[in-house]
Amino acid sequence: MAQDDFSTGTVELEEAEVKVDRPPLFTVVIFNDDFTPMEFVVYVIQKFFGYDHAKSTEVMLEIHSKGRGFCGAFSQEIAETKSQQINQFSKENEHPLKSDIEELGKD
């Protein structure tokens, strides 16, 4: 029986340095309008982001005073889905409330 050449030597493995870039994060932005009731905006923030009433009210006041409010950072797919759900829910409830997504760190 022949001896294979691999059984007599040693093999040293070098650890490869793996650098993985994190995917970019996107924030869901809700825009102010002059028609949607503040209570509805608070409800939407609670429903789609899971914030308590106090945090939802804080975000709603930011939307009201600054014209827009940031509701959370997510992967692009999750942010897009949340924005679409908010826009659809608002439309179904006959409110003009709109949201969109923006990449974090981009101007």
N, C-alpha and C. Protein backbone atom coordinates (compact mmCIF):
# COMPACT_ATOMS: atom_id res chain seq x y z
N MET A 1 0.85 -1.18 0.00
CA MET A 1 0.00 0.00 0.00
C MET A 1 0.89 1.23 0.00
N ALA A 2 0.62 2.18 -0.86
CA ALA A 2 1.44 3.38 -1.00
C ALA A 2 1.03 4.42 0.03
N GLN A 3 2.04 5.08 0.53
CA GLN A 3 1.80 6.15 1.51
C GLN A 3 1.59 7.45 0.74
N ASP A 4 0.49 8.22 1.08
CA ASP A 4 0.29 9.47 0.36
C ASP A 4 1.24 10.54 0.89
N ASP A 5 1.52 11.51 0.06
CA ASP A 5 2.51 12.54 0.39
C ASP A 5 2.01 13.50 1.46
N PHE A 6 0.75 13.51 1.74
CA PHE A 6 0.19 14.48 2.67
C PHE A 6 0.29 14.03 4.12
N SER A 7 0.48 12.77 4.35
CA SER A 7 0.47 12.28 5.72
C SER A 7 1.77 12.55 6.46
N THR A 8 2.82 12.91 5.78
CA THR A 8 4.11 13.11 6.43
C THR A 8 4.41 14.57 6.75
N GLY A 9 3.76 15.51 6.14
CA GLY A 9 4.06 16.92 6.35
C GLY A 9 3.09 17.59 7.30
N THR A 10 3.40 18.80 7.64
CA THR A 10 2.48 19.59 8.46
C THR A 10 2.01 20.77 7.63
N VAL A 11 0.85 21.20 7.93
CA VAL A 11 0.26 22.33 7.23
C VAL A 11 -0.02 23.42 8.24
N GLU A 12 0.43 24.61 7.96
CA GLU A 12 0.14 25.74 8.82
C GLU A 12 -0.90 26.62 8.12
N LEU A 13 -1.93 26.91 8.84
CA LEU A 13 -2.96 27.77 8.28
C LEU A 13 -2.78 29.17 8.84
N GLU A 14 -2.85 30.11 7.96
CA GLU A 14 -2.75 31.51 8.36
C GLU A 14 -4.16 32.06 8.48
N GLU A 15 -4.43 32.76 9.58
CA GLU A 15 -5.76 33.34 9.74
C GLU A 15 -5.90 34.52 8.80
N ALA A 16 -6.95 34.51 8.06
CA ALA A 16 -7.22 35.61 7.14
C ALA A 16 -7.97 36.70 7.89
N GLU A 17 -7.58 37.91 7.64
CA GLU A 17 -8.29 39.03 8.25
C GLU A 17 -9.48 39.34 7.37
N VAL A 18 -10.65 39.21 7.95
CA VAL A 18 -11.88 39.42 7.20
C VAL A 18 -12.46 40.77 7.62
N LYS A 19 -12.66 41.60 6.65
CA LYS A 19 -13.27 42.91 6.93
C LYS A 19 -14.63 42.94 6.24
N VAL A 20 -15.64 43.10 7.05
CA VAL A 20 -17.00 43.11 6.53
C VAL A 20 -17.58 44.50 6.79
N ASP A 21 -17.98 45.16 5.74
CA ASP A 21 -18.63 46.46 5.90
C ASP A 21 -20.09 46.25 6.28
N ARG A 22 -20.51 47.03 7.25
CA ARG A 22 -21.92 46.97 7.62
C ARG A 22 -22.75 47.66 6.54
N PRO A 23 -23.93 47.12 6.28
CA PRO A 23 -24.79 47.79 5.28
C PRO A 23 -25.23 49.15 5.82
N PRO A 24 -25.49 50.08 4.93
CA PRO A 24 -25.91 51.40 5.40
C PRO A 24 -27.26 51.33 6.10
N LEU A 25 -27.47 52.25 7.02
CA LEU A 25 -28.75 52.35 7.70
C LEU A 25 -29.57 53.48 7.10
N PHE A 26 -30.87 53.29 7.15
CA PHE A 26 -31.80 54.29 6.62
C PHE A 26 -32.77 54.65 7.74
N THR A 27 -33.14 55.91 7.79
CA THR A 27 -34.10 56.36 8.79
C THR A 27 -35.43 56.64 8.12
N VAL A 28 -36.50 56.37 8.83
CA VAL A 28 -37.83 56.70 8.34
C VAL A 28 -38.14 58.12 8.81
N VAL A 29 -38.52 58.96 7.87
CA VAL A 29 -38.81 60.36 8.16
C VAL A 29 -40.30 60.59 7.91
N ILE A 30 -40.96 61.19 8.88
CA ILE A 30 -42.37 61.58 8.70
C ILE A 30 -42.40 63.09 8.55
N PHE A 31 -43.19 63.55 7.58
CA PHE A 31 -43.26 64.98 7.26
C PHE A 31 -44.53 65.61 7.83
N ASN A 32 -44.39 66.85 8.25
CA ASN A 32 -45.52 67.61 8.78
C ASN A 32 -46.47 68.00 7.65
N ASP A 33 -47.72 68.07 7.96
CA ASP A 33 -48.72 68.66 7.07
C ASP A 33 -49.71 69.42 7.94
N ASP A 34 -50.55 70.21 7.33
CA ASP A 34 -51.46 71.06 8.10
C ASP A 34 -52.81 70.42 8.36
N PHE A 35 -52.96 69.14 8.04
CA PHE A 35 -54.27 68.52 8.13
C PHE A 35 -54.35 67.30 9.05
N THR A 36 -53.31 66.52 9.14
CA THR A 36 -53.34 65.30 9.94
C THR A 36 -53.34 65.66 11.43
N PRO A 37 -54.31 65.14 12.19
CA PRO A 37 -54.36 65.42 13.63
C PRO A 37 -53.12 64.87 14.35
N MET A 38 -52.67 65.62 15.33
CA MET A 38 -51.49 65.22 16.11
C MET A 38 -51.69 63.86 16.76
N GLU A 39 -52.91 63.58 17.22
CA GLU A 39 -53.19 62.31 17.87
C GLU A 39 -52.99 61.13 16.91
N PHE A 40 -53.33 61.35 15.63
CA PHE A 40 -53.14 60.29 14.64
C PHE A 40 -51.65 60.05 14.41
N VAL A 41 -50.86 61.12 14.36
CA VAL A 41 -49.41 60.99 14.17
C VAL A 41 -48.81 60.21 15.35
N VAL A 42 -49.22 60.54 16.56
CA VAL A 42 -48.73 59.82 17.74
C VAL A 42 -49.11 58.34 17.62
N TYR A 43 -50.33 58.06 17.22
CA TYR A 43 -50.78 56.67 17.06
C TYR A 43 -49.93 55.93 16.02
N VAL A 44 -49.66 56.57 14.89
CA VAL A 44 -48.86 55.95 13.82
C VAL A 44 -47.46 55.62 14.34
N ILE A 45 -46.86 56.54 15.07
CA ILE A 45 -45.51 56.30 15.60
C ILE A 45 -45.52 55.13 16.59
N GLN A 46 -46.52 55.08 17.43
CA GLN A 46 -46.64 53.95 18.37
C GLN A 46 -46.83 52.64 17.61
N LYS A 47 -47.72 52.66 16.64
CA LYS A 47 -48.08 51.44 15.91
C LYS A 47 -46.92 50.88 15.09
N PHE A 48 -46.19 51.73 14.39
CA PHE A 48 -45.17 51.24 13.47
C PHE A 48 -43.76 51.19 14.04
N PHE A 49 -43.54 51.87 15.17
CA PHE A 49 -42.19 51.88 15.74
C PHE A 49 -42.15 51.34 17.16
N GLY A 50 -43.30 51.10 17.76
CA GLY A 50 -43.34 50.50 19.09
C GLY A 50 -42.93 51.41 20.22
N TYR A 51 -42.91 52.72 19.96
CA TYR A 51 -42.57 53.66 21.02
C TYR A 51 -43.73 53.82 21.98
N ASP A 52 -43.42 54.17 23.22
CA ASP A 52 -44.49 54.46 24.17
C ASP A 52 -45.10 55.82 23.85
N HIS A 53 -46.16 56.17 24.56
CA HIS A 53 -46.89 57.41 24.26
C HIS A 53 -46.00 58.64 24.41
N ALA A 54 -45.18 58.67 25.45
CA ALA A 54 -44.32 59.84 25.70
C ALA A 54 -43.31 60.03 24.57
N LYS A 55 -42.63 58.96 24.15
CA LYS A 55 -41.64 59.06 23.06
C LYS A 55 -42.34 59.39 21.75
N SER A 56 -43.49 58.81 21.51
CA SER A 56 -44.24 59.09 20.28
C SER A 56 -44.66 60.56 20.22
N THR A 57 -45.07 61.09 21.36
CA THR A 57 -45.45 62.50 21.44
C THR A 57 -44.24 63.39 21.17
N GLU A 58 -43.09 63.01 21.71
CA GLU A 58 -41.85 63.77 21.49
C GLU A 58 -41.51 63.83 20.00
N VAL A 59 -41.60 62.69 19.32
CA VAL A 59 -41.31 62.65 17.88
C VAL A 59 -42.35 63.47 17.12
N MET A 60 -43.62 63.35 17.49
CA MET A 60 -44.67 64.12 16.83
C MET A 60 -44.42 65.62 16.96
N LEU A 61 -43.99 66.07 18.14
CA LEU A 61 -43.71 67.50 18.34
C LEU A 61 -42.52 67.96 17.50
N GLU A 62 -41.54 67.07 17.31
CA GLU A 62 -40.42 67.38 16.41
C GLU A 62 -40.93 67.55 14.98
N ILE A 63 -41.80 66.65 14.55
CA ILE A 63 -42.39 66.74 13.22
C ILE A 63 -43.14 68.06 13.08
N HIS A 64 -43.94 68.39 14.08
CA HIS A 64 -44.76 69.59 14.06
C HIS A 64 -43.91 70.86 14.04
N SER A 65 -42.87 70.91 14.86
CA SER A 65 -42.09 72.14 14.99
C SER A 65 -41.00 72.29 13.92
N LYS A 66 -40.42 71.16 13.46
CA LYS A 66 -39.31 71.24 12.50
C LYS A 66 -39.70 70.86 11.08
N GLY A 67 -40.94 70.41 10.91
CA GLY A 67 -41.40 70.05 9.58
C GLY A 67 -41.15 68.59 9.20
N ARG A 68 -40.38 67.90 10.05
CA ARG A 68 -40.08 66.50 9.80
C ARG A 68 -39.52 65.89 11.07
N GLY A 69 -39.68 64.58 11.20
CA GLY A 69 -39.17 63.89 12.36
C GLY A 69 -38.61 62.55 11.98
N PHE A 70 -37.55 62.16 12.68
CA PHE A 70 -36.88 60.89 12.42
C PHE A 70 -37.40 59.84 13.40
N CYS A 71 -37.78 58.68 12.87
CA CYS A 71 -38.47 57.69 13.68
C CYS A 71 -37.66 56.43 13.98
N GLY A 72 -36.51 56.27 13.41
CA GLY A 72 -35.70 55.09 13.70
C GLY A 72 -34.80 54.74 12.53
N ALA A 73 -33.73 53.99 12.81
CA ALA A 73 -32.77 53.59 11.78
C ALA A 73 -32.86 52.09 11.56
N PHE A 74 -32.91 51.70 10.29
CA PHE A 74 -33.13 50.31 9.91
C PHE A 74 -32.35 49.99 8.65
N SER A 75 -32.33 48.71 8.29
CA SER A 75 -31.81 48.35 6.98
C SER A 75 -32.72 48.99 5.93
N GLN A 76 -32.23 49.10 4.71
CA GLN A 76 -33.02 49.77 3.67
C GLN A 76 -34.37 49.08 3.47
N GLU A 77 -34.38 47.75 3.45
CA GLU A 77 -35.63 47.02 3.18
C GLU A 77 -36.66 47.26 4.28
N ILE A 78 -36.22 47.24 5.52
CA ILE A 78 -37.15 47.46 6.64
C ILE A 78 -37.66 48.89 6.63
N ALA A 79 -36.76 49.85 6.40
CA ALA A 79 -37.17 51.26 6.35
C ALA A 79 -38.18 51.49 5.23
N GLU A 80 -37.92 50.94 4.06
CA GLU A 80 -38.85 51.09 2.94
C GLU A 80 -40.22 50.50 3.27
N THR A 81 -40.21 49.32 3.89
CA THR A 81 -41.47 48.67 4.25
C THR A 81 -42.25 49.51 5.25
N LYS A 82 -41.59 50.01 6.30
CA LYS A 82 -42.27 50.83 7.30
C LYS A 82 -42.85 52.09 6.67
N SER A 83 -42.07 52.75 5.80
CA SER A 83 -42.54 53.96 5.15
C SER A 83 -43.78 53.67 4.28
N GLN A 84 -43.72 52.59 3.52
CA GLN A 84 -44.87 52.22 2.68
C GLN A 84 -46.09 51.91 3.53
N GLN A 85 -45.88 51.20 4.65
CA GLN A 85 -47.00 50.86 5.53
C GLN A 85 -47.63 52.13 6.12
N ILE A 86 -46.80 53.07 6.54
CA ILE A 86 -47.31 54.33 7.10
C ILE A 86 -48.12 55.09 6.05
N ASN A 87 -47.57 55.20 4.85
CA ASN A 87 -48.27 55.94 3.79
C ASN A 87 -49.60 55.27 3.43
N GLN A 88 -49.61 53.95 3.37
CA GLN A 88 -50.84 53.22 3.06
C GLN A 88 -51.86 53.37 4.19
N PHE A 89 -51.40 53.21 5.43
CA PHE A 89 -52.28 53.32 6.60
C PHE A 89 -52.90 54.72 6.66
N SER A 90 -52.10 55.73 6.40
CA SER A 90 -52.59 57.12 6.43
C SER A 90 -53.64 57.34 5.35
N LYS A 91 -53.36 56.82 4.16
CA LYS A 91 -54.31 56.94 3.05
C LYS A 91 -55.63 56.24 3.38
N GLU A 92 -55.52 55.02 3.93
CA GLU A 92 -56.73 54.27 4.31
C GLU A 92 -57.55 55.00 5.35
N ASN A 93 -56.90 55.80 6.18
CA ASN A 93 -57.59 56.56 7.22
C ASN A 93 -57.87 58.00 6.79
N GLU A 94 -57.71 58.26 5.49
CA GLU A 94 -58.02 59.55 4.87
C GLU A 94 -57.24 60.72 5.48
N HIS A 95 -55.95 60.47 5.73
CA HIS A 95 -55.05 61.53 6.19
C HIS A 95 -53.92 61.68 5.18
N PRO A 96 -53.44 62.90 4.96
CA PRO A 96 -52.37 63.12 3.98
C PRO A 96 -50.95 62.89 4.54
N LEU A 97 -50.82 62.33 5.72
CA LEU A 97 -49.53 62.11 6.34
C LEU A 97 -48.62 61.31 5.41
N LYS A 98 -47.39 61.78 5.22
CA LYS A 98 -46.43 61.12 4.33
C LYS A 98 -45.12 60.84 5.06
N SER A 99 -44.49 59.76 4.63
CA SER A 99 -43.17 59.41 5.15
C SER A 99 -42.29 59.00 3.98
N ASP A 100 -41.00 58.99 4.24
CA ASP A 100 -40.03 58.54 3.26
C ASP A 100 -38.82 58.04 4.03
N ILE A 101 -37.79 57.58 3.31
CA ILE A 101 -36.57 57.13 3.98
C ILE A 101 -35.39 57.95 3.50
N GLU A 102 -34.37 58.07 4.36
CA GLU A 102 -33.14 58.75 4.02
C GLU A 102 -31.98 57.94 4.57
N GLU A 103 -30.91 57.85 3.78
CA GLU A 103 -29.73 57.13 4.24
C GLU A 103 -29.04 57.95 5.32
N LEU A 104 -28.70 57.31 6.42
CA LEU A 104 -27.99 58.00 7.50
C LEU A 104 -26.59 58.38 7.02
N GLY A 105 -26.17 59.55 7.41
CA GLY A 105 -24.83 60.01 7.07
C GLY A 105 -24.75 60.65 5.71
N LYS A 106 -25.82 60.69 4.98
CA LYS A 106 -25.86 61.36 3.67
C LYS A 106 -26.57 62.70 3.83
N ASP A 107 -26.05 63.68 3.14
CA ASP A 107 -26.69 65.02 3.21
C ASP A 107 -27.66 65.22 2.08
